[in-house]
Amino acid sequence: MTTLSSKDRYGMWKKVGQYCNMDAKGTRAYFHNTWACQFYEPVLDYRSEIKQLAHIFISPHIVMEKFLSRYPNKQFGKHELSVTIATICKRIQMKQHSDETQDSSNNITDKCDNPQESANIVLFDLIDFQ
């Protein structure tokens, strides 16, 4: 496919789809999502390792770089790998953010035992913030 001229590539999925009794979009999707995947390492087999790297490096670009440097002789689907890494990094960042938010709200309520005083502290913090 990469050796075809742009003239020959134009309409290729439509021609292949007609041969397979499928539309061009379905044929292209099958090729990219199913058939072509057999030539790449399955990214899900490396998910736990990617999670470990993401906890250390947070940035998806750095995680990708470190991960690929560990396996220079393996072929990974770049799109699948980048989506997997981005998703894992985003989930970790969201969890860290929610943990930080939870910790800060716990600190506010720990300042006093009276719930009314806790509400006043939150209110004063909001007023100071504005």
C-alpha atoms as a PDB file:
ATOM      1  CA  MET A   1       0.000   0.000   0.000  1.00  0.00           C
ATOM      2  CA  THR A   2       2.814   2.430   0.803  1.00  0.00           C
ATOM      3  CA  THR A   3       4.413   1.755  -2.568  1.00  0.00           C
ATOM      4  CA  LEU A   4       1.292   2.733  -4.526  1.00  0.00           C
ATOM      5  CA  SER A   5       1.157   6.104  -6.207  1.00  0.00           C
ATOM      6  CA  SER A   6      -1.400   8.579  -4.884  1.00  0.00           C
ATOM      7  CA  LYS A   7      -3.400   8.048  -8.097  1.00  0.00           C
ATOM      8  CA  ASP A   8      -3.602   4.300  -7.423  1.00  0.00           C
ATOM      9  CA  ARG A   9      -4.392   4.807  -3.720  1.00  0.00           C
ATOM     10  CA  TYR A  10      -7.333   7.100  -4.489  1.00  0.00           C
ATOM     11  CA  GLY A  11     -10.515   5.078  -4.145  1.00  0.00           C
ATOM     12  CA  MET A  12      -8.626   1.976  -3.046  1.00  0.00           C
ATOM     13  CA  TRP A  13     -10.879   1.275  -0.037  1.00  0.00           C
ATOM     14  CA  LYS A  14     -13.961   1.603  -2.222  1.00  0.00           C
ATOM     15  CA  LYS A  15     -12.576  -0.934  -4.714  1.00  0.00           C
ATOM     16  CA  VAL A  16     -11.558  -3.373  -1.978  1.00  0.00           C
ATOM     17  CA  GLY A  17     -14.910  -2.878  -0.252  1.00  0.00           C
ATOM     18  CA  GLN A  18     -16.827  -3.693  -3.434  1.00  0.00           C
ATOM     19  CA  TYR A  19     -14.832  -6.903  -3.750  1.00  0.00           C
ATOM     20  CA  CYS A  20     -15.632  -7.823  -0.109  1.00  0.00           C
ATOM     21  CA  ASN A  21     -19.253  -6.600  -0.196  1.00  0.00           C
ATOM     22  CA  MET A  22     -18.469  -3.841   2.324  1.00  0.00           C
ATOM     23  CA  ASP A  23     -18.450  -0.070   2.188  1.00  0.00           C
ATOM     24  CA  ALA A  24     -15.160   1.822   1.934  1.00  0.00           C
ATOM     25  CA  LYS A  25     -15.285   3.043   5.541  1.00  0.00           C
ATOM     26  CA  GLY A  26     -15.867  -0.455   6.937  1.00  0.00           C
ATOM     27  CA  THR A  27     -13.095  -1.918   4.797  1.00  0.00           C
ATOM     28  CA  ARG A  28     -10.615   0.718   5.916  1.00  0.00           C
ATOM     29  CA  ALA A  29     -11.624   0.289   9.582  1.00  0.00           C
ATOM     30  CA  TYR A  30     -11.195  -3.489   9.343  1.00  0.00           C
ATOM     31  CA  PHE A  31      -7.769  -3.095   7.780  1.00  0.00           C
ATOM     32  CA  HIS A  32      -6.485  -0.622  10.367  1.00  0.00           C
ATOM     33  CA  ASN A  33      -8.149  -2.095  13.467  1.00  0.00           C
ATOM     34  CA  THR A  34      -7.973  -5.828  12.826  1.00  0.00           C
ATOM     35  CA  TRP A  35      -5.840  -7.073  10.005  1.00  0.00           C
ATOM     36  CA  ALA A  36      -2.879  -4.695  10.462  1.00  0.00           C
ATOM     37  CA  CYS A  37      -2.748  -5.337  14.227  1.00  0.00           C
ATOM     38  CA  GLN A  38      -1.340  -8.821  13.654  1.00  0.00           C
ATOM     39  CA  PHE A  39       1.998  -7.224  12.775  1.00  0.00           C
ATOM     40  CA  TYR A  40       2.357  -5.397  16.108  1.00  0.00           C
ATOM     41  CA  GLU A  41       2.926  -6.422  19.694  1.00  0.00           C
ATOM     42  CA  PRO A  42      -0.291  -6.307  21.732  1.00  0.00           C
ATOM     43  CA  VAL A  43      -0.026  -3.188  23.897  1.00  0.00           C
ATOM     44  CA  LEU A  44      -2.377  -4.574  26.557  1.00  0.00           C
ATOM     45  CA  ASP A  45       0.254  -7.192  27.460  1.00  0.00           C
ATOM     46  CA  TYR A  46       2.474  -4.303  28.624  1.00  0.00           C
ATOM     47  CA  ARG A  47      -0.213  -2.303  30.432  1.00  0.00           C
ATOM     48  CA  SER A  48       1.131  -2.866  33.968  1.00  0.00           C
ATOM     49  CA  GLU A  49       4.611  -1.776  32.895  1.00  0.00           C
ATOM     50  CA  ILE A  50       3.176   1.335  31.237  1.00  0.00           C
ATOM     51  CA  LYS A  51       1.301   2.125  34.474  1.00  0.00           C
ATOM     52  CA  GLN A  52       4.538   1.874  36.462  1.00  0.00           C
ATOM     53  CA  LEU A  53       6.292   4.253  34.073  1.00  0.00           C
ATOM     54  CA  ALA A  54       3.333   6.645  34.126  1.00  0.00           C
ATOM     55  CA  HIS A  55       3.460   6.832  37.924  1.00  0.00           C
ATOM     56  CA  ILE A  56       7.112   7.855  37.677  1.00  0.00           C
ATOM     57  CA  PHE A  57       7.126  10.178  34.663  1.00  0.00           C
ATOM     58  CA  ILE A  58       3.501  11.472  34.360  1.00  0.00           C
ATOM     59  CA  SER A  59       4.169  13.038  30.909  1.00  0.00           C
ATOM     60  CA  PRO A  60       2.824  10.806  28.105  1.00  0.00           C
ATOM     61  CA  HIS A  61       5.713  11.792  25.814  1.00  0.00           C
ATOM     62  CA  ILE A  62       8.342  10.749  28.340  1.00  0.00           C
ATOM     63  CA  VAL A  63       6.475   7.525  29.167  1.00  0.00           C
ATOM     64  CA  MET A  64       6.365   6.697  25.446  1.00  0.00           C
ATOM     65  CA  GLU A  65      10.078   7.431  25.046  1.00  0.00           C
ATOM     66  CA  LYS A  66      11.096   5.341  28.083  1.00  0.00           C
ATOM     67  CA  PHE A  67       8.804   2.471  27.135  1.00  0.00           C
ATOM     68  CA  LEU A  68      10.027   2.263  23.539  1.00  0.00           C
ATOM     69  CA  SER A  69      13.663   2.475  24.679  1.00  0.00           C
ATOM     70  CA  ARG A  70      13.110  -0.705  26.726  1.00  0.00           C
ATOM     71  CA  TYR A  71      11.965  -2.617  23.631  1.00  0.00           C
ATOM     72  CA  PRO A  72      13.969  -1.386  20.640  1.00  0.00           C
ATOM     73  CA  ASN A  73      13.427  -4.621  18.670  1.00  0.00           C
ATOM     74  CA  LYS A  74       9.650  -4.834  19.106  1.00  0.00           C
ATOM     75  CA  GLN A  75       7.048  -3.257  16.857  1.00  0.00           C
ATOM     76  CA  PHE A  76       4.113  -1.488  18.511  1.00  0.00           C
ATOM     77  CA  GLY A  77       1.171   0.160  16.795  1.00  0.00           C
ATOM     78  CA  LYS A  78       1.943   3.834  17.391  1.00  0.00           C
ATOM     79  CA  HIS A  79      -1.678   4.937  17.582  1.00  0.00           C
ATOM     80  CA  GLU A  80      -2.736   2.178  19.976  1.00  0.00           C
ATOM     81  CA  LEU A  81       0.328   2.750  22.160  1.00  0.00           C
ATOM     82  CA  SER A  82      -0.088   6.526  22.299  1.00  0.00           C
ATOM     83  CA  VAL A  83      -3.809   6.274  23.130  1.00  0.00           C
ATOM     84  CA  THR A  84      -3.109   3.692  25.856  1.00  0.00           C
ATOM     85  CA  ILE A  85      -0.336   5.789  27.408  1.00  0.00           C
ATOM     86  CA  ALA A  86      -2.366   9.008  27.247  1.00  0.00           C
ATOM     87  CA  THR A  87      -5.357   7.314  28.883  1.00  0.00           C
ATOM     88  CA  ILE A  88      -3.270   5.825  31.697  1.00  0.00           C
ATOM     89  CA  CYS A  89      -1.445   9.119  32.348  1.00  0.00           C
ATOM     90  CA  LYS A  90      -4.717  11.056  32.408  1.00  0.00           C
ATOM     91  CA  ARG A  91      -6.282   8.623  34.889  1.00  0.00           C
ATOM     92  CA  ILE A  92      -3.245   8.861  37.166  1.00  0.00           C
ATOM     93  CA  GLN A  93      -3.299  12.663  37.026  1.00  0.00           C
ATOM     94  CA  MET A  94      -7.032  12.728  37.788  1.00  0.00           C
ATOM     95  CA  LYS A  95      -6.563  10.344  40.718  1.00  0.00           C
ATOM     96  CA  GLN A  96      -3.689  12.431  42.094  1.00  0.00           C
ATOM     97  CA  HIS A  97      -5.785  15.585  41.738  1.00  0.00           C
ATOM     98  CA  SER A  98      -8.784  14.035  43.496  1.00  0.00           C
ATOM     99  CA  ASP A  99      -6.496  12.732  46.266  1.00  0.00           C
ATOM    100  CA  GLU A 100      -5.020  16.226  46.713  1.00  0.00           C
ATOM    101  CA  THR A 101      -8.501  17.758  46.791  1.00  0.00           C
ATOM    102  CA  GLN A 102      -9.630  15.178  49.333  1.00  0.00           C
ATOM    103  CA  ASP A 103      -6.532  15.844  51.475  1.00  0.00           C
ATOM    104  CA  SER A 104      -7.089  19.602  51.438  1.00  0.00           C
ATOM    105  CA  SER A 105     -10.749  19.232  52.432  1.00  0.00           C
ATOM    106  CA  ASN A 106      -9.700  16.872  55.220  1.00  0.00           C
ATOM    107  CA  ASN A 107      -7.178  19.467  56.432  1.00  0.00           C
ATOM    108  CA  ILE A 108      -9.898  22.116  56.599  1.00  0.00           C
ATOM    109  CA  THR A 109     -12.240  19.931  58.638  1.00  0.00           C
ATOM    110  CA  ASP A 110      -9.353  18.804  60.850  1.00  0.00           C
ATOM    111  CA  LYS A 111      -8.766  22.417  61.935  1.00  0.00           C
ATOM    112  CA  CYS A 112     -11.723  22.259  64.290  1.00  0.00           C
ATOM    113  CA  ASP A 113     -14.172  19.759  65.687  1.00  0.00           C
ATOM    114  CA  ASN A 114     -17.267  21.908  65.266  1.00  0.00           C
ATOM    115  CA  PRO A 115     -18.884  21.453  61.797  1.00  0.00           C
ATOM    116  CA  GLN A 116     -20.166  25.055  61.854  1.00  0.00           C
ATOM    117  CA  GLU A 117     -16.625  26.345  62.414  1.00  0.00           C
ATOM    118  CA  SER A 118     -15.409  24.139  59.535  1.00  0.00           C
ATOM    119  CA  ALA A 119     -18.024  25.704  57.268  1.00  0.00           C
ATOM    120  CA  ASN A 120     -16.908  29.180  58.363  1.00  0.00           C
ATOM    121  CA  ILE A 121     -13.274  28.331  57.600  1.00  0.00           C
ATOM    122  CA  VAL A 122     -14.245  27.176  54.096  1.00  0.00           C
ATOM    123  CA  LEU A 123     -16.307  30.345  53.625  1.00  0.00           C
ATOM    124  CA  PHE A 124     -13.420  32.556  54.786  1.00  0.00           C
ATOM    125  CA  ASP A 125     -11.012  30.685  52.514  1.00  0.00           C
ATOM    126  CA  LEU A 126     -13.348  31.329  49.578  1.00  0.00           C
ATOM    127  CA  ILE A 127     -13.679  35.017  50.464  1.00  0.00           C
ATOM    128  CA  ASP A 128      -9.884  35.355  50.730  1.00  0.00           C
ATOM    129  CA  PHE A 129      -9.524  33.615  47.376  1.00  0.00           C
ATOM    130  CA  GLN A 130     -11.765  36.115  45.597  1.00  0.00           C
END
